[in-house]
Amino acid sequence: MAQIATQVDPESIPASIFRAYDIRGIAEQQLTSQNVKRIGQALGSEALDQNITSLLVGYDGRLSSPALSIALIEGIRSSGCSAVSIGLVPTPLLYFATYATDYASGVMLTASHSPSNYNGLKIVFNQTSLAENQIQKIRTRIENDQLRTGSGGFSELEVDRSYIDDICTRVQLIKPLKIVIDCGNAVPGKIAPTLFQELGCDVHPIFCEIDGNFPNHHPDPTVPENLAALASTVLEKKADVGIALDGDGDRVGLITNRGKFVDADRMLMALVQSILPNYPGRNVVFDVKCTSKLGALVKKFGGSPIMHRSGHSLMKQKMRETNAILGGEFAAHIFIKDNWFGFDDGLYVAARLLKIISESCASSDEIFGQFFTGFCTTEISIKVPEERKFLVMDRLIELASFPTATLITLDGLRVEYADGWGLVRASNTSPALLLRFEADTRIRMNEIQEQFKHLILSADKNLEISF
């Protein structure tokens, strides 16, 4: 492997940006053009070592993305690997292109729903998202200066039209629906209104103009407060449903015709009910944050539930390993293998949920209201410095004592009782511990929360707990 003289001190690229399933950091500080070029060269080098000669490159609507995409392409080409630009696109279009074009590998420049001053890279080699050790291998390659040099080619490819056409071929709505779409001023606004119009919907877009400042609300559709304008517009327009997409379009949020927020648990339950009867015995993968009622529903419809670690890359790898037909995280990454490719795609998932609504005589509020998940919290965040969060998590597991419960430690600590559960885990994308609780009664949920509060303060009495 050819070596080059380093122009960027490897120590100037913080190790902390190499996360469990992507690379993510503050643009112009941790992710400068110079650093991104260096990372691109490492990715190109790793690709060539795996006999991958070309990488697709897409980027999102963040203010830093156009300049960083140029640096990324320059870095890839400097390794001798070719770059194929698909331009400004939601992340699912990059995933789609790895199945629908001659190129099976690529890099998406995006920080998903992170604050506007962040950016990052999601990486796919041979239709498989890199995770954990594979991401760390890129970091090690940079630190050891194990970089190829060459002059890779450059070309451009347009995938927007073929993506829209493909979904419209696969999904037909039984009746037209009136919908409101909220893209949070992020990159899905380039695609979503056109897609849903061509599916036959009466579309009312809000915040679909791309603006990397995200002026109206944070582009995270899993937080109900972010969807307040969507809910009020659904009621005002008397729409059948409201759809929200996250900063790069791989996650989806939903508002019913009565303005109620639908979490990912209930979206997954609706998809299980719709899809699983056609695939008896098949696996359904979900993460440690999902409701315990989901596993029971999977069994009811003849499937096998598999709980797994959170993280879009980890989930996709587990789905491939287990030949699962459906998967999902409570963070609203949802993966459909039925009549699709199995990657997380908020646009396609929204289309499938619209199909379910169009086929029913019931309203969207009635459809999702049938799935009772008990009393539950949204995800709760406790700030912990990046360098300490995993140490605190280790201490929590060490101190955990719940004699009448089942302890699951495949990703953090999930404590399961017959009538409820609690979870605490270290975030892979932010300096925080993340918690979630669910129980059959509100009193029981509060009791479990108190047990966790006591445990967390035993591990670190200085942490500020907001529940």
Protein backbone atom coordinates (compact mmCIF):
# COMPACT_ATOMS: atom_id res chain seq x y z
CA MET A 1 0.00 0.00 0.00
CA ALA A 2 1.45 3.36 -0.94
CA GLN A 3 2.22 5.79 1.89
CA ILE A 4 2.00 9.58 1.66
CA ALA A 5 3.48 12.34 3.74
CA THR A 6 0.77 13.51 6.09
CA GLN A 7 -0.56 17.04 5.59
CA VAL A 8 -3.03 16.80 8.48
CA ASP A 9 -1.92 15.90 11.97
CA PRO A 10 -3.97 12.78 12.78
CA GLU A 11 -4.43 14.16 16.30
CA SER A 12 -6.37 17.09 14.82
CA ILE A 13 -9.13 14.63 13.88
CA PRO A 14 -10.71 13.78 17.27
CA ALA A 15 -11.21 10.09 17.97
CA SER A 16 -14.61 10.95 19.49
CA ILE A 17 -16.17 11.67 16.07
CA PHE A 18 -15.80 8.00 15.08
CA ARG A 19 -19.05 6.72 16.56
CA ALA A 20 -20.63 3.30 16.79
CA TYR A 21 -22.32 3.54 13.39
CA ASP A 22 -21.22 6.74 11.71
CA ILE A 23 -18.75 9.60 11.86
CA ARG A 24 -20.20 12.78 13.36
CA GLY A 25 -18.84 16.04 14.72
CA ILE A 26 -18.99 19.84 14.70
CA ALA A 27 -18.49 21.27 11.22
CA GLU A 28 -15.55 23.64 10.76
CA GLN A 29 -14.12 22.50 14.11
CA GLN A 30 -13.93 18.71 14.23
CA LEU A 31 -15.00 18.24 10.63
CA THR A 32 -13.01 20.81 8.67
CA SER A 33 -12.62 20.51 4.91
CA GLN A 34 -9.06 19.30 5.51
CA ASN A 35 -10.20 16.62 7.96
CA VAL A 36 -13.05 15.47 5.73
CA LYS A 37 -10.66 15.22 2.79
CA ARG A 38 -8.40 13.05 4.93
CA ILE A 39 -11.33 10.87 5.99
CA GLY A 40 -12.37 10.59 2.33
CA GLN A 41 -8.88 9.38 1.42
CA ALA A 42 -9.09 6.77 4.18
CA LEU A 43 -12.51 5.64 2.97
CA GLY A 44 -11.24 5.40 -0.61
CA SER A 45 -8.21 3.42 0.59
CA GLU A 46 -10.38 1.02 2.58
CA ALA A 47 -12.74 0.63 -0.38
CA LEU A 48 -9.89 -0.22 -2.74
CA ASP A 49 -8.55 -2.78 -0.26
CA GLN A 50 -11.99 -4.41 -0.49
CA ASN A 51 -11.90 -4.31 -4.32
CA ILE A 52 -14.43 -1.46 -4.41
CA THR A 53 -13.29 0.92 -7.13
CA SER A 54 -16.05 3.58 -6.98
CA LEU A 55 -17.99 5.29 -4.19
CA LEU A 56 -21.28 7.14 -4.54
CA VAL A 57 -21.36 10.48 -2.70
CA GLY A 58 -24.49 12.33 -1.56
CA TYR A 59 -24.97 15.25 0.83
CA ASP A 60 -27.77 16.79 2.88
CA GLY A 61 -29.09 20.35 3.18
CA ARG A 62 -26.83 21.61 5.97
CA LEU A 63 -24.99 24.87 5.44
CA SER A 64 -21.63 23.08 5.67
CA SER A 65 -22.52 20.20 3.36
CA PRO A 66 -21.75 21.62 -0.13
CA ALA A 67 -18.16 22.58 0.78
CA LEU A 68 -17.55 19.41 2.80
CA SER A 69 -18.88 17.25 -0.05
CA ILE A 70 -16.26 18.76 -2.36
CA ALA A 71 -13.56 17.93 0.20
CA LEU A 72 -14.94 14.41 0.60
CA ILE A 73 -14.90 13.79 -3.15
CA GLU A 74 -11.36 15.18 -3.41
CA GLY A 75 -10.25 12.87 -0.62
CA ILE A 76 -11.82 9.78 -2.17
CA ARG A 77 -10.26 10.53 -5.56
CA SER A 78 -6.84 11.20 -4.00
CA SER A 79 -6.75 7.56 -2.91
CA GLY A 80 -7.22 6.36 -6.48
CA CYS A 81 -10.85 5.40 -5.87
CA SER A 82 -13.45 7.01 -8.17
CA ALA A 83 -16.26 9.21 -6.86
CA VAL A 84 -19.77 9.30 -8.31
CA SER A 85 -21.74 12.32 -7.09
CA ILE A 86 -25.51 12.00 -6.68
CA GLY A 87 -25.69 15.53 -5.28
CA LEU A 88 -28.17 16.93 -2.76
CA VAL A 89 -30.35 13.99 -1.69
CA PRO A 90 -31.96 12.42 1.38
CA THR A 91 -29.91 9.51 2.78
CA PRO A 92 -32.36 6.81 1.57
CA LEU A 93 -31.60 7.80 -2.03
CA LEU A 94 -27.95 6.94 -1.48
CA TYR A 95 -28.99 3.58 -0.02
CA PHE A 96 -31.38 3.08 -2.94
CA ALA A 97 -28.62 3.86 -5.44
CA THR A 98 -26.47 1.05 -4.00
CA TYR A 99 -29.21 -1.37 -5.11
CA ALA A 100 -30.51 0.31 -8.26
CA THR A 101 -27.30 1.41 -10.01
CA ASP A 102 -23.98 -0.18 -10.94
CA TYR A 103 -22.46 1.09 -7.67
CA ALA A 104 -23.01 -0.89 -4.45
CA SER A 105 -21.03 1.37 -2.10
CA GLY A 106 -21.17 5.02 -1.08
CA VAL A 107 -20.83 7.76 1.49
CA MET A 108 -23.57 10.13 2.66
CA LEU A 109 -22.50 13.46 4.13
CA THR A 110 -25.09 14.16 6.82
CA ALA A 111 -25.55 14.64 10.56
CA SER A 112 -29.16 13.47 10.39
CA HIS A 113 -31.13 15.30 13.13
CA SER A 114 -28.12 16.72 15.01
CA PRO A 115 -27.95 20.51 15.53
CA SER A 116 -27.28 22.66 12.48
CA ASN A 117 -23.58 23.15 13.27
CA TYR A 118 -22.90 19.40 13.07
CA ASN A 119 -22.12 17.20 10.09
CA GLY A 120 -21.05 13.61 9.54
CA LEU A 121 -20.68 10.61 7.27
CA LYS A 122 -22.75 7.46 6.87
CA ILE A 123 -20.87 4.77 4.99
CA VAL A 124 -22.10 1.79 2.94
CA PHE A 125 -19.79 -0.86 1.47
CA ASN A 126 -21.38 -3.52 -0.72
CA GLN A 127 -24.91 -2.52 0.41
CA THR A 128 -23.94 -2.90 4.09
CA SER A 129 -23.67 0.02 6.51
CA LEU A 130 -20.39 0.15 8.38
CA ALA A 131 -20.58 -0.09 12.16
CA GLU A 132 -18.41 -0.27 15.26
CA ASN A 133 -15.06 -1.92 14.48
CA GLN A 134 -15.41 -1.03 10.80
CA ILE A 135 -15.75 2.67 11.67
CA GLN A 136 -12.82 2.42 14.07
CA LYS A 137 -10.77 0.80 11.30
CA ILE A 138 -11.11 4.04 9.31
CA ARG A 139 -9.80 6.01 12.32
CA THR A 140 -6.87 3.61 12.76
CA ARG A 141 -6.02 3.86 9.07
CA ILE A 142 -5.76 7.66 9.39
CA GLU A 143 -3.73 7.51 12.58
CA ASN A 144 -1.27 5.03 11.04
CA ASP A 145 -1.16 6.94 7.74
CA GLN A 146 -2.19 3.81 5.85
CA LEU A 147 -3.49 5.75 2.88
CA ARG A 148 -3.35 4.98 -0.79
CA THR A 149 -2.54 7.65 -3.34
CA GLY A 150 -3.78 7.93 -6.89
CA SER A 151 -6.10 9.87 -9.14
CA GLY A 152 -9.61 8.47 -9.11
CA GLY A 153 -12.24 9.37 -11.67
CA PHE A 154 -15.29 11.58 -11.19
CA SER A 155 -18.80 11.39 -12.60
CA GLU A 156 -22.31 12.49 -11.71
CA LEU A 157 -25.51 10.46 -11.47
CA GLU A 158 -29.13 11.52 -10.98
CA VAL A 159 -31.21 9.09 -8.90
CA ASP A 160 -34.16 11.26 -7.76
CA ARG A 161 -36.46 10.32 -10.63
CA SER A 162 -35.77 6.59 -10.57
CA TYR A 163 -36.34 6.53 -6.78
CA ILE A 164 -39.74 8.23 -7.06
CA ASP A 165 -40.75 6.03 -9.99
CA ASP A 166 -39.72 2.86 -8.16
CA ILE A 167 -41.80 3.65 -5.07
CA CYS A 168 -44.81 4.64 -7.19
CA THR A 169 -44.52 1.28 -8.99
CA ARG A 170 -44.43 -0.66 -5.73
CA VAL A 171 -47.02 1.26 -3.67
CA GLN A 172 -50.54 2.01 -4.85
CA LEU A 173 -53.09 3.73 -2.63
CA ILE A 174 -56.62 2.36 -2.74
CA LYS A 175 -58.09 5.83 -2.27
CA PRO A 176 -56.61 9.34 -2.39
CA LEU A 177 -55.58 10.85 0.94
CA LYS A 178 -55.21 14.43 2.06
CA ILE A 179 -51.86 14.74 3.83
CA VAL A 180 -49.66 17.43 5.37
CA ILE A 181 -45.88 16.98 5.01
CA ASP A 182 -43.35 18.64 7.33
CA CYS A 183 -39.72 18.29 6.20
CA GLY A 184 -38.28 20.55 8.90
CA ASN A 185 -36.51 22.66 6.24
CA ALA A 186 -34.20 19.69 5.64
CA VAL A 187 -33.21 17.82 2.47
CA PRO A 188 -36.34 15.56 2.27
CA GLY A 189 -38.16 18.71 1.09
CA LYS A 190 -36.49 18.21 -2.29
CA ILE A 191 -38.25 14.86 -2.82
CA ALA A 192 -41.19 14.34 -0.48
CA PRO A 193 -43.89 16.66 -1.91
CA THR A 194 -43.35 15.32 -5.44
CA LEU A 195 -43.30 11.69 -4.31
CA PHE A 196 -46.56 11.88 -2.40
CA GLN A 197 -48.28 13.91 -5.10
CA GLU A 198 -47.37 11.22 -7.61
CA LEU A 199 -48.73 8.58 -5.23
CA GLY A 200 -52.05 10.37 -5.66
CA CYS A 201 -52.20 12.35 -2.43
CA ASP A 202 -53.54 15.86 -1.95
CA VAL A 203 -50.34 17.27 -0.45
CA HIS A 204 -50.07 20.33 1.81
CA PRO A 205 -46.35 20.95 2.44
CA ILE A 206 -44.99 22.95 5.38
CA PHE A 207 -41.32 23.77 6.03
CA CYS A 208 -40.28 21.98 2.84
CA GLU A 209 -37.93 24.78 1.68
CA ILE A 210 -34.37 23.65 2.38
CA ASP A 211 -32.67 25.88 4.94
CA GLY A 212 -29.71 24.50 6.87
CA ASN A 213 -30.46 26.84 9.78
CA PHE A 214 -33.64 24.81 10.48
CA PRO A 215 -35.52 28.04 11.34
CA ASN A 216 -38.91 26.54 12.24
CA HIS A 217 -38.08 23.55 14.40
CA HIS A 218 -35.38 20.97 14.97
CA PRO A 219 -35.67 18.25 12.27
CA ASP A 220 -36.31 15.36 14.65
CA PRO A 221 -39.80 13.88 14.17
CA THR A 222 -39.57 11.66 17.27
CA VAL A 223 -40.03 14.67 19.56
CA PRO A 224 -43.75 15.59 19.75
CA GLU A 225 -43.00 19.27 20.42
CA ASN A 226 -41.26 19.51 17.03
CA LEU A 227 -44.51 18.51 15.32
CA ALA A 228 -46.81 21.10 16.89
CA ALA A 229 -47.19 23.05 13.63
CA LEU A 230 -47.80 19.82 11.72
CA ALA A 231 -50.53 18.78 14.16
CA SER A 232 -52.31 22.14 13.97
CA THR A 233 -52.09 22.16 10.15
CA VAL A 234 -53.56 18.63 9.97
CA LEU A 235 -56.53 19.82 12.03
CA GLU A 236 -56.88 23.05 10.06
CA LYS A 237 -56.82 21.27 6.69
CA LYS A 238 -58.93 18.35 7.95
CA ALA A 239 -56.20 16.08 6.59
CA ASP A 240 -56.16 12.29 6.88
CA VAL A 241 -52.66 12.25 8.34
CA GLY A 242 -49.51 14.32 8.86
CA ILE A 243 -46.06 13.09 7.90
CA ALA A 244 -42.79 14.45 9.29
CA LEU A 245 -39.30 13.52 8.12
CA ASP A 246 -35.99 13.99 9.88
CA GLY A 247 -32.88 15.90 8.81
CA ASP A 248 -31.78 13.34 6.22
CA GLY A 249 -35.03 11.48 5.52
CA ASP A 250 -34.28 8.06 6.96
CA ARG A 251 -36.76 8.51 9.84
CA VAL A 252 -40.44 9.32 9.89
CA GLY A 253 -42.94 10.80 12.32
CA LEU A 254 -46.73 10.68 12.13
CA ILE A 255 -49.68 12.79 13.29
CA THR A 256 -53.19 11.33 13.11
CA ASN A 257 -56.22 13.09 11.67
CA ARG A 258 -57.09 14.17 15.23
CA GLY A 259 -53.69 15.79 15.73
CA LYS A 260 -52.24 13.03 17.91
CA PHE A 261 -48.56 12.04 17.82
CA VAL A 262 -47.81 8.43 16.77
CA ASP A 263 -44.57 7.00 18.12
CA ALA A 264 -42.45 4.43 16.30
CA ASP A 265 -43.76 1.60 18.48
CA ARG A 266 -47.25 1.98 17.05
CA MET A 267 -46.00 2.54 13.50
CA LEU A 268 -44.11 -0.73 13.80
CA MET A 269 -47.15 -2.50 15.22
CA ALA A 270 -49.27 -1.37 12.26
CA LEU A 271 -46.60 -2.65 9.85
CA VAL A 272 -46.36 -5.98 11.71
CA GLN A 273 -50.13 -6.39 11.42
CA SER A 274 -50.00 -5.55 7.70
CA ILE A 275 -46.87 -7.42 6.60
CA LEU A 276 -46.23 -10.38 8.89
CA PRO A 277 -49.29 -12.50 7.96
CA ASN A 278 -47.70 -12.92 4.53
CA TYR A 279 -44.45 -14.22 6.03
CA PRO A 280 -45.23 -16.86 8.69
CA GLY A 281 -42.29 -17.70 10.91
CA ARG A 282 -40.12 -14.78 9.76
CA ASN A 283 -38.10 -12.66 12.16
CA VAL A 284 -38.84 -9.09 13.19
CA VAL A 285 -35.96 -7.14 14.74
CA PHE A 286 -36.48 -4.22 17.14
CA ASP A 287 -34.22 -2.33 19.50
CA VAL A 288 -34.02 -2.28 23.30
CA LYS A 289 -36.07 0.94 23.45
CA CYS A 290 -39.19 -0.56 21.88
CA THR A 291 -42.35 -1.53 23.74
CA SER A 292 -42.67 -5.02 25.19
CA LYS A 293 -46.08 -5.15 23.48
CA LEU A 294 -44.33 -5.28 20.09
CA GLY A 295 -42.75 -8.68 20.71
CA ALA A 296 -46.11 -10.05 21.82
CA LEU A 297 -47.76 -8.77 18.63
CA VAL A 298 -45.06 -10.33 16.45
CA LYS A 299 -45.75 -13.70 18.09
CA LYS A 300 -49.52 -13.21 17.66
CA PHE A 301 -49.04 -12.89 13.90
CA GLY A 302 -46.77 -15.92 13.68
CA GLY A 303 -43.39 -14.23 13.65
CA SER A 304 -40.28 -14.42 15.81
CA PRO A 305 -39.31 -11.27 17.74
CA ILE A 306 -35.61 -10.42 18.10
CA MET A 307 -34.46 -7.64 20.43
CA HIS A 308 -31.19 -5.99 19.39
CA ARG A 309 -28.92 -3.03 20.07
CA SER A 310 -29.90 0.47 18.99
CA GLY A 311 -28.23 1.95 15.92
CA HIS A 312 -29.29 1.97 12.28
CA SER A 313 -26.17 0.11 11.09
CA LEU A 314 -26.41 -2.50 13.84
CA MET A 315 -30.09 -3.06 13.09
CA LYS A 316 -29.52 -3.49 9.35
CA GLN A 317 -26.72 -5.95 9.97
CA LYS A 318 -28.93 -7.95 12.37
CA MET A 319 -31.77 -7.98 9.84
CA ARG A 320 -29.46 -9.35 7.18
CA GLU A 321 -28.02 -11.93 9.60
CA THR A 322 -31.49 -13.18 10.65
CA ASN A 323 -33.27 -12.74 7.29
CA ALA A 324 -35.83 -10.52 9.02
CA ILE A 325 -38.73 -9.16 7.01
CA LEU A 326 -39.20 -6.05 9.18
CA GLY A 327 -37.25 -4.11 11.76
CA GLY A 328 -37.35 -0.88 13.63
CA GLU A 329 -36.03 1.33 16.38
CA PHE A 330 -37.96 3.53 18.75
CA ALA A 331 -35.88 6.37 17.26
CA ALA A 332 -38.01 5.78 14.11
CA HIS A 333 -35.46 4.13 11.87
CA ILE A 334 -37.76 1.51 10.28
CA PHE A 335 -36.57 -1.19 7.89
CA ILE A 336 -38.92 -2.96 5.47
CA LYS A 337 -37.74 -5.95 3.43
CA ASP A 338 -41.22 -6.69 2.06
CA ASN A 339 -41.24 -5.27 -1.48
CA TRP A 340 -38.27 -3.05 -0.63
CA PHE A 341 -34.57 -3.35 0.16
CA GLY A 342 -34.46 -3.43 3.97
CA PHE A 343 -32.75 -0.12 4.64
CA ASP A 344 -34.14 2.69 6.79
CA ASP A 345 -36.20 4.98 4.62
CA GLY A 346 -38.65 7.46 6.12
CA LEU A 347 -40.17 8.25 2.73
CA TYR A 348 -40.87 4.63 1.82
CA VAL A 349 -42.13 3.80 5.32
CA ALA A 350 -44.50 6.78 5.08
CA ALA A 351 -45.75 5.47 1.73
CA ARG A 352 -46.44 2.03 3.25
CA LEU A 353 -48.27 3.58 6.20
CA LEU A 354 -50.37 5.64 3.79
CA LYS A 355 -51.21 2.40 1.96
CA ILE A 356 -52.45 0.89 5.24
CA ILE A 357 -54.59 3.97 5.90
CA SER A 358 -55.96 4.01 2.34
CA GLU A 359 -57.02 0.36 2.59
CA SER A 360 -58.97 0.86 5.81
CA CYS A 361 -62.41 2.24 6.50
CA ALA A 362 -61.04 3.50 9.82
CA SER A 363 -59.34 6.87 10.30
CA SER A 364 -55.62 7.10 10.97
CA ASP A 365 -56.44 7.95 14.58
CA GLU A 366 -58.48 4.76 14.92
CA ILE A 367 -55.86 2.62 13.14
CA PHE A 368 -52.99 3.63 15.41
CA GLY A 369 -55.18 4.01 18.49
CA GLN A 370 -55.90 0.27 18.50
CA PHE A 371 -52.32 -0.46 19.58
CA PHE A 372 -52.06 0.04 23.34
CA THR A 373 -48.51 0.29 24.64
CA GLY A 374 -49.37 1.03 28.24
CA PHE A 375 -48.17 4.16 29.96
CA CYS A 376 -44.82 5.19 28.59
CA THR A 377 -42.35 8.02 28.38
CA THR A 378 -40.67 9.47 25.35
CA GLU A 379 -36.90 9.19 25.39
CA ILE A 380 -35.40 11.02 28.39
CA SER A 381 -31.91 12.48 28.16
CA ILE A 382 -29.44 13.04 31.01
CA LYS A 383 -26.37 15.05 30.05
CA VAL A 384 -23.08 13.24 30.68
CA PRO A 385 -19.72 14.32 29.23
CA GLU A 386 -18.74 12.34 26.14
CA GLU A 387 -15.63 10.96 27.82
CA ARG A 388 -17.58 9.74 30.88
CA LYS A 389 -20.87 8.37 29.58
CA PHE A 390 -19.68 4.81 28.97
CA LEU A 391 -17.87 4.71 32.34
CA VAL A 392 -21.08 5.78 34.08
CA MET A 393 -22.99 3.12 32.13
CA ASP A 394 -20.54 0.43 33.23
CA ARG A 395 -20.99 1.55 36.84
CA LEU A 396 -24.79 1.39 36.53
CA ILE A 397 -24.64 -2.21 35.33
CA GLU A 398 -22.22 -3.05 38.14
CA LEU A 399 -24.55 -1.57 40.79
CA ALA A 400 -27.83 -2.88 39.30
CA SER A 401 -29.87 -4.95 41.75
CA PHE A 402 -33.42 -5.80 40.72
CA PRO A 403 -34.12 -9.23 42.31
CA THR A 404 -37.62 -9.69 40.87
CA ALA A 405 -36.83 -8.51 37.35
CA THR A 406 -35.03 -9.77 34.26
CA LEU A 407 -31.92 -7.76 33.37
CA ILE A 408 -31.00 -7.35 29.69
CA THR A 409 -27.56 -5.85 29.08
CA LEU A 410 -27.10 -6.24 25.33
CA ASP A 411 -27.27 -2.42 25.01
CA GLY A 412 -27.17 -0.58 28.29
CA LEU A 413 -29.44 -1.88 31.03
CA ARG A 414 -33.07 -2.88 30.42
CA VAL A 415 -34.93 -4.05 33.52
CA GLU A 416 -38.07 -6.03 32.68
CA TYR A 417 -40.92 -6.84 35.05
CA ALA A 418 -44.17 -8.60 34.19
CA ASP A 419 -45.98 -5.25 34.27
CA GLY A 420 -43.37 -2.81 32.98
CA TRP A 421 -39.76 -2.02 32.20
CA GLY A 422 -37.10 0.64 32.31
CA LEU A 423 -34.01 1.26 30.19
CA VAL A 424 -30.85 3.33 30.51
CA ARG A 425 -28.12 3.33 27.85
CA ALA A 426 -25.32 5.55 26.67
CA SER A 427 -26.16 7.52 23.54
CA ASN A 428 -24.00 6.78 20.53
CA THR A 429 -24.62 10.20 18.97
CA SER A 430 -24.63 12.69 21.87
CA PRO A 431 -23.02 13.25 25.31
CA ALA A 432 -25.90 11.73 27.26
CA LEU A 433 -27.52 8.79 28.93
CA LEU A 434 -30.88 7.95 27.38
CA LEU A 435 -33.78 6.45 29.32
CA ARG A 436 -37.23 5.13 28.59
CA PHE A 437 -39.97 3.67 30.78
CA GLU A 438 -43.21 1.76 30.22
CA ALA A 439 -45.74 0.06 32.50
CA ASP A 440 -49.32 -1.12 32.58
CA THR A 441 -50.27 1.69 34.98
CA ARG A 442 -48.91 5.16 35.54
CA ILE A 443 -48.27 4.41 39.22
CA ARG A 444 -46.15 1.39 38.30
CA MET A 445 -44.22 3.41 35.70
CA ASN A 446 -43.45 6.05 38.34
CA GLU A 447 -42.21 3.34 40.72
CA ILE A 448 -39.80 1.98 38.09
CA GLN A 449 -38.57 5.50 37.36
CA GLU A 450 -37.83 6.03 41.06
CA GLN A 451 -35.80 2.81 41.15
CA PHE A 452 -33.74 4.02 38.19
CA LYS A 453 -33.29 7.47 39.73
CA HIS A 454 -31.87 5.86 42.87
CA LEU A 455 -29.54 3.68 40.80
CA ILE A 456 -28.25 6.58 38.68
CA LEU A 457 -27.57 8.80 41.71
CA SER A 458 -25.75 5.88 43.35
CA ALA A 459 -23.47 5.76 40.32
CA ASP A 460 -22.97 9.54 40.09
CA LYS A 461 -24.68 11.86 42.57
CA ASN A 462 -23.79 14.92 40.48
CA LEU A 463 -25.95 14.04 37.48
CA GLU A 464 -29.03 16.22 36.95
CA ILE A 465 -32.11 14.03 36.59
CA SER A 466 -35.23 15.60 35.13
CA PHE A 467 -37.81 12.88 35.78
